[in-house]
Protein backbone atom coordinates (compact mmCIF):
# COMPACT_ATOMS: atom_id res chain seq x y z
CA MET A 1 7.37 8.48 -4.25
CA GLU A 2 7.27 9.92 -0.74
CA LYS A 3 9.64 8.54 1.85
CA PHE A 4 7.91 6.35 4.41
CA ASN A 5 8.33 7.79 7.88
CA ASN A 6 7.16 6.35 11.17
CA LEU A 7 3.38 6.28 11.25
CA LYS A 8 0.83 7.01 14.00
CA SER A 9 -2.90 6.64 13.47
CA ILE A 10 -6.16 5.21 14.71
CA PRO A 11 -6.46 2.06 12.58
CA SER A 12 -9.55 1.00 10.65
CA TYR A 13 -10.52 -2.65 10.84
CA LEU A 14 -12.10 -4.71 8.06
CA SER A 15 -12.57 -8.20 9.42
CA LEU A 16 -13.50 -9.73 6.05
CA GLN A 17 -11.20 -12.40 4.66
CA ASN A 18 -10.19 -12.71 1.00
CA ILE A 19 -10.84 -9.07 0.12
CA ASP A 20 -9.87 -9.07 -3.55
CA THR A 21 -8.66 -6.23 -5.75
CA ASP A 22 -12.09 -5.86 -7.37
CA MET A 23 -13.54 -5.15 -3.92
CA ILE A 24 -10.72 -2.67 -3.26
CA ILE A 25 -11.30 -0.84 -6.56
CA PRO A 26 -14.01 -2.17 -8.93
CA LYS A 27 -13.26 -2.67 -12.62
CA GLN A 28 -15.27 0.37 -13.81
CA PHE A 29 -12.63 2.64 -12.27
CA LEU A 30 -9.66 1.11 -14.08
CA LYS A 31 -9.81 3.36 -17.14
CA THR A 32 -7.50 5.96 -15.65
CA ILE A 33 -3.71 5.69 -15.69
CA LYS A 34 -3.37 8.40 -13.04
CA ARG A 35 -2.49 7.42 -9.49
CA THR A 36 -4.69 10.15 -8.05
CA GLY A 37 -8.46 10.48 -7.77
CA LEU A 38 -9.20 6.84 -6.97
CA GLY A 39 -9.52 7.27 -3.21
CA LYS A 40 -13.17 8.31 -3.44
CA SER A 41 -13.94 4.96 -5.11
CA LEU A 42 -12.00 2.79 -2.68
CA PHE A 43 -14.18 -0.16 -1.55
CA TYR A 44 -16.89 1.42 -3.69
CA GLU A 45 -19.48 -1.35 -3.46
CA MET A 46 -19.11 -1.52 0.33
CA ARG A 47 -19.03 2.25 0.88
CA TYR A 48 -21.95 3.33 -1.33
CA ASP A 49 -25.48 2.13 -1.96
CA GLU A 50 -27.07 1.77 -5.40
CA SER A 51 -27.93 5.47 -5.54
CA GLY A 52 -24.34 6.48 -4.77
CA LYS A 53 -25.00 7.55 -1.19
CA LYS A 54 -22.53 6.59 1.53
CA ILE A 55 -23.50 3.59 3.63
CA LYS A 56 -23.44 4.80 7.23
CA ASP A 57 -22.40 1.47 8.70
CA PHE A 58 -19.22 1.16 6.61
CA ILE A 59 -16.24 2.01 8.79
CA LEU A 60 -14.37 4.28 6.36
CA ASN A 61 -17.44 6.49 6.05
CA ASN A 62 -17.28 7.43 9.71
CA GLU A 63 -15.00 9.57 11.83
CA PRO A 64 -12.25 9.10 12.85
CA TYR A 65 -11.78 6.12 10.54
CA ASN A 66 -12.22 8.21 7.39
CA ASN A 67 -8.82 9.67 8.28
CA SER A 68 -7.11 6.39 9.11
CA LYS A 69 -3.64 5.84 7.70
CA ILE A 70 -3.52 2.24 8.87
CA LEU A 71 -5.87 -0.50 7.68
CA LEU A 72 -6.30 -3.81 9.52
CA ALA A 73 -7.67 -6.60 7.34
CA GLY A 74 -8.59 -10.27 7.30
CA LYS A 75 -6.26 -12.83 5.78
CA ASN A 76 -5.42 -13.09 2.07
CA PHE A 77 -5.91 -9.37 1.49
CA GLY A 78 -5.49 -8.19 -2.11
CA CYS A 79 -6.20 -11.50 -3.83
CA GLY A 80 -7.72 -11.65 -7.32
CA SER A 81 -6.46 -9.76 -10.37
CA SER A 82 -3.10 -8.02 -10.32
CA ARG A 83 -4.43 -4.47 -10.85
CA GLU A 84 -2.03 -1.83 -9.55
CA HIS A 85 -5.01 0.49 -9.18
CA ALA A 86 -5.69 -1.25 -5.85
CA PRO A 87 -2.69 0.23 -4.01
CA TRP A 88 -3.24 3.50 -5.94
CA ALA A 89 -6.75 3.75 -4.47
CA LEU A 90 -5.57 2.92 -0.95
CA SER A 91 -2.79 5.48 -1.14
CA ASP A 92 -5.03 8.19 -2.58
CA PHE A 93 -7.52 7.63 0.26
CA GLY A 94 -4.68 8.10 2.74
CA ILE A 95 -3.86 4.51 3.72
CA LYS A 96 -0.08 4.16 4.16
CA CYS A 97 0.03 0.79 5.91
CA VAL A 98 -2.04 -2.40 5.68
CA ILE A 99 -1.71 -5.04 8.40
CA SER A 100 -2.93 -8.59 7.82
CA SER A 101 -1.95 -12.16 8.58
CA SER A 102 -1.45 -12.78 4.84
CA PHE A 103 -1.49 -11.03 1.47
CA ALA A 104 -1.72 -12.06 -2.16
CA ASP A 105 1.83 -11.96 -3.53
CA ILE A 106 1.29 -9.54 -6.44
CA PHE A 107 -0.66 -7.05 -4.33
CA TYR A 108 1.97 -7.30 -1.58
CA ASN A 109 4.77 -6.40 -4.01
CA ASN A 110 2.72 -3.64 -5.67
CA CYS A 111 2.30 -1.94 -2.30
CA PHE A 112 6.02 -1.30 -1.95
CA LYS A 113 6.15 0.23 -5.44
CA ASN A 114 3.49 2.72 -4.38
CA GLY A 115 4.72 3.79 -0.95
CA ILE A 116 2.47 1.51 1.12
CA LEU A 117 3.85 -0.72 3.87
CA PRO A 118 2.11 -4.13 3.99
CA ILE A 119 2.82 -5.82 7.32
CA LYS A 120 2.40 -9.56 7.76
CA THR A 121 1.80 -10.52 11.36
CA ASP A 122 0.08 -13.15 13.44
CA GLU A 123 -3.72 -13.18 13.39
CA LYS A 124 -3.70 -12.84 17.18
CA ILE A 125 -1.90 -9.50 16.88
CA VAL A 126 -4.33 -8.29 14.20
CA LEU A 127 -7.20 -8.99 16.61
CA GLU A 128 -5.41 -7.20 19.44
CA LEU A 129 -4.91 -4.18 17.17
CA ALA A 130 -8.59 -4.36 16.20
CA ASP A 131 -9.46 -3.65 19.85
CA TYR A 132 -7.53 -0.38 19.59
CA SER A 133 -9.50 0.43 16.46
CA LYS A 134 -12.79 -0.13 18.28
CA ARG A 135 -11.64 2.08 21.16
CA LYS A 136 -10.47 4.74 18.69
CA GLU A 137 -6.94 4.62 20.07
CA GLU A 138 -3.81 5.23 18.03
CA ILE A 139 -1.14 2.68 17.24
CA GLU A 140 2.36 3.40 15.94
CA ILE A 141 4.45 1.87 13.17
CA PHE A 142 8.23 2.16 13.35
CA LEU A 143 9.62 1.06 10.00
CA ASP A 144 13.26 1.54 10.97
CA LYS A 145 12.90 -0.80 13.97
CA GLN A 146 10.24 -2.95 12.25
CA GLU A 147 7.87 -2.62 15.16
CA ILE A 148 4.18 -2.04 15.84
CA LYS A 149 3.59 -0.30 19.16
CA TYR A 150 0.14 -0.45 20.76
CA GLY A 151 -0.38 0.48 24.37
CA ASN A 152 2.48 -1.02 26.35
CA LYS A 153 2.98 -3.80 23.80
CA VAL A 154 5.40 -4.04 20.88
CA ALA A 155 5.11 -6.51 17.99
CA LYS A 156 8.05 -7.04 15.65
CA PHE A 157 7.51 -7.76 11.96
CA GLU A 158 9.81 -9.13 9.28
CA LEU A 159 10.58 -7.26 6.08
CA ASP A 160 12.85 -7.73 3.09
CA VAL A 161 15.90 -5.45 3.43
CA PHE A 162 15.66 -4.10 -0.13
CA LYS A 163 11.92 -3.38 0.12
CA LYS A 164 12.50 -1.59 3.42
CA LYS A 165 15.24 0.55 1.84
CA CYS A 166 12.95 1.51 -1.07
CA LEU A 167 10.18 2.64 1.29
CA MET A 168 12.45 4.57 3.61
CA GLU A 169 14.19 6.34 0.72
CA GLY A 170 11.05 6.80 -1.40
CA LEU A 171 12.37 4.75 -4.32
CA ASP A 172 9.95 3.37 -6.91
CA ASP A 173 11.05 1.53 -10.08
CA ILE A 174 11.75 4.78 -11.95
CA ALA A 175 13.81 6.22 -9.09
CA LEU A 176 15.81 2.99 -8.86
CA SER A 177 16.59 3.25 -12.58
CA MET A 178 17.60 6.90 -12.20
CA GLU A 179 20.11 5.91 -9.52
CA LYS A 180 21.96 4.06 -12.27
CA ILE A 181 21.68 6.83 -14.87
CA SER A 182 25.43 7.51 -14.96
CA LYS A 183 26.16 3.84 -15.69
CA ILE A 184 23.46 3.82 -18.37
CA ASP A 185 25.00 6.93 -19.98
CA ASP A 186 28.49 5.39 -19.90
CA TYR A 187 27.20 2.21 -21.52
CA GLU A 188 25.46 4.15 -24.31
CA LYS A 189 28.62 6.16 -25.01
CA LYS A 190 30.64 2.97 -25.34
CA LEU A 191 27.92 1.48 -27.54
CA GLN A 192 27.96 4.59 -29.74
CA THR A 193 31.65 3.94 -30.43
CA SER A 194 31.72 0.16 -30.66
CA LYS A 195 28.30 -0.51 -32.24
CA PRO A 196 26.84 2.78 -33.51
CA TRP A 197 24.27 0.99 -35.66
CA VAL A 198 22.48 -0.23 -32.52
CA LEU A 199 21.65 3.29 -31.27
CA ASN A 200 21.14 4.78 -34.72
CA ASN A 201 18.81 2.06 -35.97
CA GLY A 202 15.56 3.76 -36.99
């Protein structure tokens, strides 16, 4: 997983509330177990018409928002089923940070495991940031200081210390396990001596 550095981008704004994971990535795209290739199907039913052509009015189909790294969303973003394909699709599209007043818990936690920073902040701040989106002006995210900078304003956000460490160091579940590989090896060596039947079973 890539390390999360400070981020600067024109944000895209989806004002809809309760955007669920099926809206983020519909069920027909869940057959793959690869984390890549899903970006083109992100928000599929909102981005494309019945013939598969892009809907001009949808924000992510238009410049400069099709290159946004920051997504602003209505409350309760990522509700619905627990599919990890949702953050996969966001990441593959290029979204590295989602800002909302609230998230569904499972989606929120899945973001950190896939290199995406979900920021919970006051609805008033989301609306202020939305004005920057409309004006096509950049905002900045400083993960180390836990700040959003827009214009001459700065908004602080809270974040779990461990989740912050994982993002900054690019640690997913596998990488966290590999950090303990020497302890795992030592344990298996001791087990080989004290209880060899455990490791040799089957």
